[in-house]
């Protein structure tokens, strides 16, 4: 490269010395390389008298490379290179010397993973050189490279250690958390077992006292206070219920006794009337109705349940009582009933209906000296209760039968419980009453004579 050397010294870039190599290194296979140095020579007055030039053998750079890289472990596989200003390798591994590196032109890159011409990936660091004082330098760059797997080995090892320590710390945290949770929940589990041991029969649990930690002690104390209050309230409530139960039994007993007194008074008045008097039959019918209601109250105060009546049993007892009241061996009164429990509000009108229908069949279904059977059936079908009173007598000439006091009362009671009534006269006479099982039997219904 030609340059005007009259003002400043100059340094030439590395180049092959083809001519001098033949003269100085005749037996050398490789072409020698030199760095050219030149500087102007002036006399005492500053007049340019000549130029001093020299060729610096590039072999010294190889010695420097060996001395520097010799301090690096061979296992590290670190390689150093020097690139010229155009990115050509001027010092480095022999296969790369003289080859340009495309990524070296990016001066803003300091380090990164690069793909090299042989296809391998290296962790590469490119550092541009600087001049000395006011000398800008030749624009060389120093490159260090190391295989990615080997360069990242410490990072991978550190990552594996972090993962291992993280897993160990997580397992330790889970173990500590489990132990701590067991320790914290022990008082709660003890109280839960005490509640389960109390059972579902209303017994109060015997909660254990605990002072393991403040919150558990506070909760235990609060629960003990609450359970104590519940036990006291339960004791008072049981006493009140027992008192009310005794009172209710006494009420039903008194109602039953009063109905018996009324029945006795009716019988006394009936016997004072002469035979054949119409009033005698009416008093007898009223006495039967009173007897039906009295048996319901008797069943209530002698049973353990004061809210429901075993209506099937009541109908069977009613049929037995009517059989005794109308002794006729030729006519049998039979009860075919399911076991049905219902409220006394529903049982009372249904019992009166059954009484009226059975008495009506005894009076009109069978001629004198005739025999037959009156059957009372009770069935529960879904949410409805069906009661049928049937006889195998002479049948009903008028369908449906109307006009009598008994049938008027039956119609009113059926409307009271919100039911329906139907008749069948194909074989004797059968009357079927169907009512909702939860019928409201407390609504008033007018009975018109």
Protein backbone atom coordinates (compact mmCIF):
# COMPACT_ATOMS: atom_id res chain seq x y z
CA UNK A 1 0.00 0.00 0.00
CA UNK A 2 1.47 3.31 -1.00
CA UNK A 3 1.24 6.25 1.38
CA UNK A 4 2.86 9.70 1.66
CA UNK A 5 5.31 9.31 4.55
CA UNK A 6 6.65 12.82 4.68
CA UNK A 7 4.52 13.81 7.64
CA UNK A 8 3.67 10.77 9.87
CA UNK A 9 4.92 7.25 10.42
CA UNK A 10 2.84 4.47 8.87
CA UNK A 11 2.09 0.82 9.63
CA UNK A 12 0.93 -1.53 6.93
CA UNK A 13 -1.48 -4.41 7.50
CA UNK A 14 -0.36 -8.02 7.41
CA UNK A 15 0.35 -9.27 3.91
CA UNK A 16 2.01 -12.18 2.19
CA UNK A 17 5.70 -11.61 1.26
CA UNK A 18 5.93 -13.66 -1.92
CA UNK A 19 9.18 -12.18 -3.26
CA UNK A 20 11.05 -11.88 0.05
CA UNK A 21 9.82 -15.30 1.07
CA UNK A 22 11.62 -16.87 -1.90
CA UNK A 23 14.82 -15.08 -0.96
CA UNK A 24 14.75 -15.33 2.84
CA UNK A 25 12.75 -18.52 3.34
CA UNK A 26 13.61 -20.64 0.33
CA UNK A 27 13.09 -23.91 2.20
CA UNK A 28 9.82 -22.91 3.86
CA UNK A 29 6.60 -24.35 2.50
CA UNK A 30 4.36 -21.66 3.92
CA UNK A 31 4.47 -18.16 2.48
CA UNK A 32 5.88 -15.82 5.11
CA UNK A 33 3.84 -12.82 6.21
CA UNK A 34 5.10 -9.39 7.18
CA UNK A 35 3.91 -6.17 8.71
CA UNK A 36 5.39 -3.08 7.03
CA UNK A 37 6.69 -0.20 9.18
CA UNK A 38 7.88 3.19 7.82
CA UNK A 39 8.77 6.58 9.27
CA UNK A 40 10.20 9.86 7.83
CA UNK A 41 13.81 10.96 8.71
CA UNK A 42 14.54 14.69 9.18
CA UNK A 43 17.65 16.66 9.98
CA UNK A 44 18.10 19.19 12.76
CA UNK A 45 16.32 21.83 10.73
CA UNK A 46 13.39 19.57 10.07
CA UNK A 47 14.14 18.97 6.47
CA UNK A 48 13.06 15.56 5.17
CA UNK A 49 16.15 13.64 4.33
CA UNK A 50 14.68 10.16 3.78
CA UNK A 51 12.38 7.35 4.90
CA UNK A 52 13.23 4.42 7.19
CA UNK A 53 11.26 1.24 6.32
CA UNK A 54 11.25 -2.25 7.83
CA UNK A 55 9.47 -5.57 7.46
CA UNK A 56 8.26 -7.18 10.72
CA UNK A 57 7.86 -10.94 10.48
CA UNK A 58 4.38 -12.14 11.49
CA UNK A 59 5.90 -15.13 13.27
CA UNK A 60 6.13 -13.07 16.48
CA UNK A 61 2.34 -12.93 16.57
CA UNK A 62 2.18 -16.72 16.57
CA UNK A 63 4.58 -16.75 19.49
CA UNK A 64 2.35 -14.29 21.34
CA UNK A 65 -0.70 -16.47 20.59
CA UNK A 66 1.03 -19.54 21.99
CA UNK A 67 2.25 -17.72 25.08
CA UNK A 68 -1.20 -16.24 25.84
CA UNK A 69 -3.35 -19.29 25.05
CA UNK A 70 -0.85 -21.55 26.72
CA UNK A 71 -2.15 -20.20 30.03
CA UNK A 72 -5.65 -21.54 29.20
CA UNK A 73 -6.48 -25.13 30.06
CA UNK A 74 -6.52 -27.46 27.08
CA UNK A 75 -9.85 -28.86 28.30
CA UNK A 76 -11.46 -25.45 27.84
CA UNK A 77 -11.07 -25.65 24.04
CA UNK A 78 -10.78 -21.87 23.83
CA UNK A 79 -9.45 -20.52 20.53
CA UNK A 80 -8.20 -16.96 19.91
CA UNK A 81 -8.12 -15.17 16.58
CA UNK A 82 -7.23 -11.76 15.22
CA UNK A 83 -9.28 -10.37 12.38
CA UNK A 84 -8.33 -7.64 10.00
CA UNK A 85 -10.48 -4.61 9.45
CA UNK A 86 -12.51 -6.43 6.77
CA UNK A 87 -13.19 -9.43 9.05
CA UNK A 88 -10.58 -11.77 7.56
CA UNK A 89 -8.78 -14.10 9.93
CA UNK A 90 -5.13 -13.08 10.02
CA UNK A 91 -4.15 -15.05 13.11
CA UNK A 92 -5.81 -18.17 14.40
CA UNK A 93 -6.46 -21.81 13.54
CA UNK A 94 -4.87 -22.71 10.23
CA UNK A 95 -8.16 -23.84 8.58
CA UNK A 96 -9.60 -20.37 9.20
CA UNK A 97 -6.62 -18.16 8.35
CA UNK A 98 -7.41 -16.02 5.34
CA UNK A 99 -11.19 -16.66 5.53
CA UNK A 100 -13.63 -13.80 6.18
CA UNK A 101 -16.15 -14.05 9.04
CA UNK A 102 -19.49 -12.42 8.27
CA UNK A 103 -20.55 -11.80 11.85
CA UNK A 104 -17.29 -9.98 12.67
CA UNK A 105 -18.45 -6.89 10.78
CA UNK A 106 -21.14 -6.23 13.41
CA UNK A 107 -19.13 -3.95 15.66
CA UNK A 108 -21.96 -3.59 18.17
CA UNK A 109 -21.71 -7.29 19.10
CA UNK A 110 -19.57 -8.15 22.10
CA UNK A 111 -20.52 -11.77 22.83
CA UNK A 112 -23.07 -14.33 21.70
CA UNK A 113 -23.64 -17.73 20.16
CA UNK A 114 -22.58 -17.75 16.50
CA UNK A 115 -22.60 -20.34 13.73
CA UNK A 116 -19.18 -20.70 12.15
CA UNK A 117 -18.36 -21.70 8.56
CA UNK A 118 -17.95 -25.36 9.55
CA UNK A 119 -21.55 -25.43 10.89
CA UNK A 120 -20.60 -25.68 14.58
CA UNK A 121 -21.93 -23.25 17.15
CA UNK A 122 -19.56 -21.42 19.45
CA UNK A 123 -19.90 -18.90 22.23
CA UNK A 124 -18.06 -16.07 20.47
CA UNK A 125 -16.69 -12.80 21.79
CA UNK A 126 -15.53 -10.07 19.35
CA UNK A 127 -13.57 -7.11 20.75
CA UNK A 128 -12.24 -4.37 18.43
CA UNK A 129 -8.72 -3.11 19.18
CA UNK A 130 -7.74 0.48 19.84
CA UNK A 131 -4.69 2.46 18.81
CA UNK A 132 -2.03 3.92 21.00
CA UNK A 133 -2.32 7.59 21.97
CA UNK A 134 -2.95 9.44 18.71
CA UNK A 135 -2.39 6.34 16.57
CA UNK A 136 -5.81 4.96 15.56
CA UNK A 137 -4.55 1.44 14.88
CA UNK A 138 -5.28 -0.89 11.99
CA UNK A 139 -8.88 -1.73 12.88
CA UNK A 140 -8.14 -5.27 14.03
CA UNK A 141 -10.46 -7.29 16.21
CA UNK A 142 -9.69 -9.98 18.75
CA UNK A 143 -12.01 -13.00 18.69
CA UNK A 144 -12.33 -15.73 21.32
CA UNK A 145 -14.55 -18.75 20.78
CA UNK A 146 -15.52 -21.84 22.76
CA UNK A 147 -17.98 -24.66 21.91
CA UNK A 148 -21.47 -23.89 23.19
CA UNK A 149 -21.83 -27.17 25.10
CA UNK A 150 -18.60 -26.59 26.97
CA UNK A 151 -19.17 -22.87 27.48
CA UNK A 152 -22.66 -23.43 28.83
CA UNK A 153 -21.67 -26.40 30.99
CA UNK A 154 -21.29 -24.26 34.16
CA UNK A 155 -24.65 -22.61 33.43
CA UNK A 156 -26.31 -26.00 32.91
CA UNK A 157 -24.72 -27.28 36.10
CA UNK A 158 -25.91 -24.22 37.98
CA UNK A 159 -29.39 -24.65 36.50
CA UNK A 160 -29.49 -28.32 37.54
CA UNK A 161 -28.34 -27.37 41.02
CA UNK A 162 -31.03 -24.69 41.25
CA UNK A 163 -33.68 -27.19 40.11
CA UNK A 164 -32.43 -29.83 42.53
CA UNK A 165 -32.34 -27.37 45.42
CA UNK A 166 -35.76 -26.09 44.40
CA UNK A 167 -37.23 -29.60 44.38
CA UNK A 168 -35.60 -30.37 47.71
CA UNK A 169 -36.87 -27.10 49.19
CA UNK A 170 -40.37 -27.79 47.82
CA UNK A 171 -40.44 -31.29 49.30
CA UNK A 172 -39.19 -29.94 52.60
CA UNK A 173 -41.84 -27.20 52.51
CA UNK A 174 -44.55 -29.80 51.77
CA UNK A 175 -43.34 -31.96 54.65
CA UNK A 176 -43.18 -29.01 57.02
CA UNK A 177 -46.60 -27.83 55.81
CA UNK A 178 -48.08 -31.29 56.35
CA UNK A 179 -46.64 -31.53 59.85
CA UNK A 180 -47.78 -27.99 60.65
CA UNK A 181 -51.26 -28.59 59.19
CA UNK A 182 -51.57 -31.81 61.22
CA UNK A 183 -50.50 -30.00 64.35
CA UNK A 184 -52.89 -27.11 63.69
CA UNK A 185 -55.86 -29.29 62.74
CA UNK A 186 -55.51 -31.77 65.61
CA UNK A 187 -57.82 -29.79 67.96
CA UNK A 188 -60.39 -29.33 65.19
CA UNK A 189 -60.33 -33.05 64.35
CA UNK A 190 -60.75 -33.91 68.03
CA UNK A 191 -63.81 -31.65 68.25
CA UNK A 192 -65.16 -33.12 65.01
CA UNK A 193 -64.82 -36.66 66.39
CA UNK A 194 -66.63 -35.58 69.54
CA UNK A 195 -69.53 -34.21 67.45
CA UNK A 196 -69.66 -37.44 65.39
CA UNK A 197 -69.60 -39.54 68.55
CA UNK A 198 -72.63 -37.64 69.85
CA UNK A 199 -74.65 -39.18 67.01
CA UNK A 200 -77.82 -37.94 65.40
CA UNK A 201 -80.14 -38.67 68.36
CA UNK A 202 -79.84 -35.16 69.74
CA UNK A 203 -77.17 -35.89 72.36
CA UNK A 204 -74.84 -33.00 73.10
CA UNK A 205 -71.16 -33.60 72.20
CA UNK A 206 -68.48 -33.69 74.90
CA UNK A 207 -66.00 -31.27 73.31
CA UNK A 208 -62.37 -31.58 74.47
CA UNK A 209 -60.60 -28.54 75.89
CA UNK A 210 -57.51 -27.47 73.96
CA UNK A 211 -54.89 -24.79 74.46
CA UNK A 212 -52.44 -25.79 71.75
CA UNK A 213 -52.53 -22.31 70.20
CA UNK A 214 -54.53 -19.15 70.78
CA UNK A 215 -57.00 -19.52 67.94
CA UNK A 216 -57.81 -23.15 68.80
CA UNK A 217 -58.21 -22.26 72.48
CA UNK A 218 -60.55 -19.38 71.56
CA UNK A 219 -62.60 -21.59 69.23
CA UNK A 220 -62.74 -24.39 71.81
CA UNK A 221 -63.90 -22.00 74.52
CA UNK A 222 -66.53 -20.47 72.25
CA UNK A 223 -67.82 -23.91 71.25
CA UNK A 224 -67.92 -25.04 74.88
CA UNK A 225 -69.97 -21.98 75.77
CA UNK A 226 -72.24 -22.51 72.78
CA UNK A 227 -72.74 -26.22 73.58
CA UNK A 228 -73.42 -25.40 77.22
CA UNK A 229 -76.07 -22.88 76.16
CA UNK A 230 -77.55 -25.45 73.78
CA UNK A 231 -77.64 -28.08 76.50
CA UNK A 232 -79.41 -25.68 78.83
CA UNK A 233 -81.85 -24.64 76.10
CA UNK A 234 -82.40 -28.32 75.19
CA UNK A 235 -83.09 -29.17 78.81
CA UNK A 236 -85.63 -26.37 79.10
CA UNK A 237 -87.19 -27.29 75.76
CA UNK A 238 -87.47 -30.95 76.70
CA UNK A 239 -89.14 -29.97 79.94
CA UNK A 240 -91.56 -27.69 78.11
CA UNK A 241 -92.34 -30.37 75.51
CA UNK A 242 -92.92 -32.96 78.22
CA UNK A 243 -95.22 -30.58 80.06
CA UNK A 244 -97.15 -29.72 76.88
CA UNK A 245 -97.37 -33.41 75.94
CA UNK A 246 -98.88 -34.27 79.31
CA UNK A 247 -101.24 -31.33 78.96
CA UNK A 248 -102.26 -32.37 75.46
CA UNK A 249 -102.85 -35.96 76.56
CA UNK A 250 -105.02 -34.66 79.38
CA UNK A 251 -106.97 -32.50 76.90
CA UNK A 252 -107.63 -35.47 74.62
CA UNK A 253 -108.56 -37.60 77.63
CA UNK A 254 -111.00 -34.97 78.87
CA UNK A 255 -112.48 -34.56 75.38
CA UNK A 256 -112.97 -38.32 75.18
CA UNK A 257 -114.59 -38.41 78.65
CA UNK A 258 -116.84 -35.47 77.80
CA UNK A 259 -117.92 -37.20 74.60
CA UNK A 260 -118.69 -40.31 76.63
CA UNK A 261 -120.80 -38.22 79.02
CA UNK A 262 -122.65 -36.74 76.04
CA UNK A 263 -123.13 -40.23 74.63
CA UNK A 264 -124.50 -41.45 77.96
CA UNK A 265 -126.93 -38.51 78.19
CA UNK A 266 -128.14 -39.25 74.67
CA UNK A 267 -128.72 -42.91 75.53
CA UNK A 268 -130.69 -41.90 78.64
CA UNK A 269 -132.89 -39.52 76.62
CA UNK A 270 -133.34 -42.08 73.85
CA UNK A 271 -134.58 -44.75 76.29
CA UNK A 272 -137.17 -42.33 77.68
CA UNK A 273 -138.74 -42.01 74.24
CA UNK A 274 -141.33 -44.55 73.17
CA UNK A 275 -140.40 -47.11 70.54
CA UNK A 276 -141.30 -45.99 67.05
CA UNK A 277 -140.63 -42.32 67.83
CA UNK A 278 -138.62 -40.64 65.03
CA UNK A 279 -136.55 -38.71 67.57
CA UNK A 280 -135.26 -41.98 68.99
CA UNK A 281 -133.55 -42.85 65.68
CA UNK A 282 -132.06 -39.40 65.33
CA UNK A 283 -130.62 -39.44 68.83
CA UNK A 284 -129.18 -42.87 68.13
CA UNK A 285 -127.51 -41.52 64.94
CA UNK A 286 -126.01 -38.59 66.88
CA UNK A 287 -124.75 -41.00 69.53
CA UNK A 288 -122.93 -42.98 66.85
CA UNK A 289 -121.20 -39.83 65.58
CA UNK A 290 -120.15 -38.87 69.08
CA UNK A 291 -118.77 -42.40 69.61
CA UNK A 292 -116.71 -42.10 66.41
CA UNK A 293 -115.08 -38.84 67.55
CA UNK A 294 -114.54 -40.18 71.05
CA UNK A 295 -112.62 -43.19 69.75
CA UNK A 296 -110.30 -40.87 67.81
CA UNK A 297 -109.39 -38.91 70.93
CA UNK A 298 -108.99 -42.12 72.90
CA UNK A 299 -106.52 -43.40 70.32
CA UNK A 300 -104.59 -40.11 70.44
CA UNK A 301 -104.08 -39.85 74.19
CA UNK A 302 -103.08 -43.51 74.46
CA UNK A 303 -100.58 -43.37 71.56
CA UNK A 304 -97.05 -41.96 71.49
CA UNK A 305 -97.79 -39.58 68.60
CA UNK A 306 -100.20 -36.76 69.42
CA UNK A 307 -100.16 -35.30 65.91
CA UNK A 308 -101.12 -38.32 63.79
CA UNK A 309 -103.77 -41.04 64.07
CA UNK A 310 -103.47 -44.59 62.78
CA UNK A 311 -106.59 -44.17 60.69
CA UNK A 312 -106.60 -47.78 59.46
CA UNK A 313 -106.79 -49.03 63.04
CA UNK A 314 -109.49 -46.46 63.83
CA UNK A 315 -111.68 -47.71 60.96
CA UNK A 316 -111.28 -51.32 62.13
CA UNK A 317 -112.28 -50.32 65.68
CA UNK A 318 -115.20 -48.28 64.32
CA UNK A 319 -116.50 -51.27 62.36
CA UNK A 320 -116.29 -53.45 65.49
CA UNK A 321 -118.19 -50.83 67.51
CA UNK A 322 -120.93 -50.53 64.87
CA UNK A 323 -121.23 -54.31 64.77
CA UNK A 324 -121.86 -54.31 68.54
CA UNK A 325 -124.24 -51.36 68.29
CA UNK A 326 -126.33 -53.11 65.60
CA UNK A 327 -126.16 -56.79 66.57
CA UNK A 328 -127.31 -58.76 63.57
CA UNK A 329 -125.52 -62.02 62.85
CA UNK A 330 -126.84 -62.03 59.29
CA UNK A 331 -125.04 -58.79 58.41
CA UNK A 332 -121.25 -58.59 58.76
CA UNK A 333 -119.20 -55.38 58.87
CA UNK A 334 -115.66 -55.92 57.57
CA UNK A 335 -112.66 -53.56 57.44
CA UNK A 336 -109.98 -53.91 54.74
CA UNK A 337 -107.60 -51.04 55.45
CA UNK A 338 -103.95 -50.11 54.84
CA UNK A 339 -101.84 -48.79 57.68
CA UNK A 340 -102.25 -45.06 57.13
CA UNK A 341 -101.31 -42.32 59.60
CA UNK A 342 -102.95 -38.93 59.16
CA UNK A 343 -103.72 -35.86 61.23
CA UNK A 344 -106.71 -35.79 63.54
CA UNK A 345 -108.05 -32.85 61.49
CA UNK A 346 -108.35 -35.20 58.50
CA UNK A 347 -109.22 -38.34 60.46
CA UNK A 348 -112.23 -36.77 62.23
CA UNK A 349 -114.28 -35.89 59.11
CA UNK A 350 -113.29 -39.15 57.38
CA UNK A 351 -114.35 -41.14 60.47
CA UNK A 352 -117.70 -39.36 60.52
CA UNK A 353 -118.15 -40.07 56.80
CA UNK A 354 -117.41 -43.77 57.33
CA UNK A 355 -119.85 -43.89 60.26
CA UNK A 356 -122.66 -42.29 58.22
CA UNK A 357 -122.11 -44.53 55.19
CA UNK A 358 -121.98 -47.77 57.23
CA UNK A 359 -125.09 -46.83 59.26
CA UNK A 360 -126.88 -45.85 56.05
CA UNK A 361 -126.03 -49.25 54.49
CA UNK A 362 -127.26 -51.12 57.58
CA UNK A 363 -130.58 -49.27 57.43
CA UNK A 364 -131.36 -49.38 53.72
CA UNK A 365 -129.26 -52.02 51.91
CA UNK A 366 -130.74 -55.16 53.42
CA UNK A 367 -134.45 -56.06 53.73
CA UNK A 368 -135.78 -57.69 56.88
CA UNK A 369 -134.33 -61.12 57.63
CA UNK A 370 -131.81 -60.63 54.78
CA UNK A 371 -128.10 -61.27 55.11
CA UNK A 372 -125.10 -59.54 53.60
CA UNK A 373 -121.79 -57.75 54.13
CA UNK A 374 -120.72 -54.13 54.50
CA UNK A 375 -117.05 -53.58 53.62
CA UNK A 376 -114.93 -50.53 54.46
CA UNK A 377 -111.72 -50.19 52.38
CA UNK A 378 -108.90 -47.68 52.88
CA UNK A 379 -106.06 -47.23 50.40
CA UNK A 380 -103.26 -44.71 50.02
CA UNK A 381 -102.44 -44.09 46.37
CA UNK A 382 -99.67 -41.56 45.83
CA UNK A 383 -100.67 -38.28 47.40
CA UNK A 384 -104.37 -39.20 47.76
CA UNK A 385 -106.35 -41.21 50.29
CA UNK A 386 -109.26 -43.31 49.03
CA UNK A 387 -111.99 -44.74 51.29
CA UNK A 388 -114.79 -46.96 49.94
CA UNK A 389 -117.89 -48.19 51.80
CA UNK A 390 -119.61 -50.93 49.80
CA UNK A 391 -122.47 -53.36 50.47
CA UNK A 392 -123.92 -56.31 48.58
CA UNK A 393 -127.51 -55.41 49.37
CA UNK A 394 -130.44 -54.44 47.19
CA UNK A 395 -128.63 -51.45 45.72
CA UNK A 396 -129.54 -47.78 45.47
CA UNK A 397 -132.67 -47.05 43.45
CA UNK A 398 -131.69 -43.38 43.23
CA UNK A 399 -128.13 -42.62 42.02
CA UNK A 400 -126.71 -40.67 43.63
CA UNK A 401 -128.73 -40.93 46.83
CA UNK A 402 -129.94 -37.57 48.12
CA UNK A 403 -132.13 -36.00 50.75
CA UNK A 404 -131.23 -37.76 54.00
CA UNK A 405 -129.54 -36.08 56.94
CA UNK A 406 -126.64 -38.53 56.75
CA UNK A 407 -125.92 -37.88 53.07
CA UNK A 408 -126.19 -34.13 53.63
CA UNK A 409 -123.56 -34.43 56.35
CA UNK A 410 -121.38 -36.61 54.11
CA UNK A 411 -121.52 -34.05 51.26
CA UNK A 412 -120.53 -31.24 53.62
CA UNK A 413 -117.63 -33.20 55.14
CA UNK A 414 -116.31 -34.19 51.69
CA UNK A 415 -116.31 -30.54 50.65
CA UNK A 416 -114.60 -29.63 53.92
CA UNK A 417 -111.60 -31.86 53.18
CA UNK A 418 -111.50 -30.85 49.50
CA UNK A 419 -112.30 -34.35 48.26
CA UNK A 420 -114.56 -35.97 45.70
CA UNK A 421 -117.38 -38.53 46.09
CA UNK A 422 -118.58 -41.10 43.57
CA UNK A 423 -121.22 -43.87 43.60
CA UNK A 424 -121.47 -47.28 41.95
CA UNK A 425 -124.81 -49.17 42.01
CA UNK A 426 -124.00 -52.11 39.75
CA UNK A 427 -123.56 -54.60 42.61
CA UNK A 428 -125.22 -53.36 45.71
CA UNK A 429 -124.12 -49.80 46.50
CA UNK A 430 -120.53 -48.52 46.74
CA UNK A 431 -119.55 -45.01 47.77
CA UNK A 432 -115.93 -43.89 47.21
CA UNK A 433 -114.38 -40.83 48.86
CA UNK A 434 -111.03 -39.54 47.49
CA UNK A 435 -109.21 -36.75 49.33
CA UNK A 436 -105.72 -35.21 49.10
CA UNK A 437 -103.44 -36.69 51.76
CA UNK A 438 -102.47 -33.18 52.91
CA UNK A 439 -106.00 -31.82 52.74
CA UNK A 440 -106.86 -28.73 54.76
CA UNK A 441 -109.65 -29.99 56.99
CA UNK A 442 -109.91 -26.80 59.06
CA UNK A 443 -111.86 -24.63 56.61
CA UNK A 444 -115.46 -24.09 57.68
CA UNK A 445 -118.25 -25.57 55.53
CA UNK A 446 -121.91 -24.84 56.07
CA UNK A 447 -124.17 -27.86 56.49
CA UNK A 448 -127.71 -27.18 55.24
CA UNK A 449 -130.53 -29.43 56.42
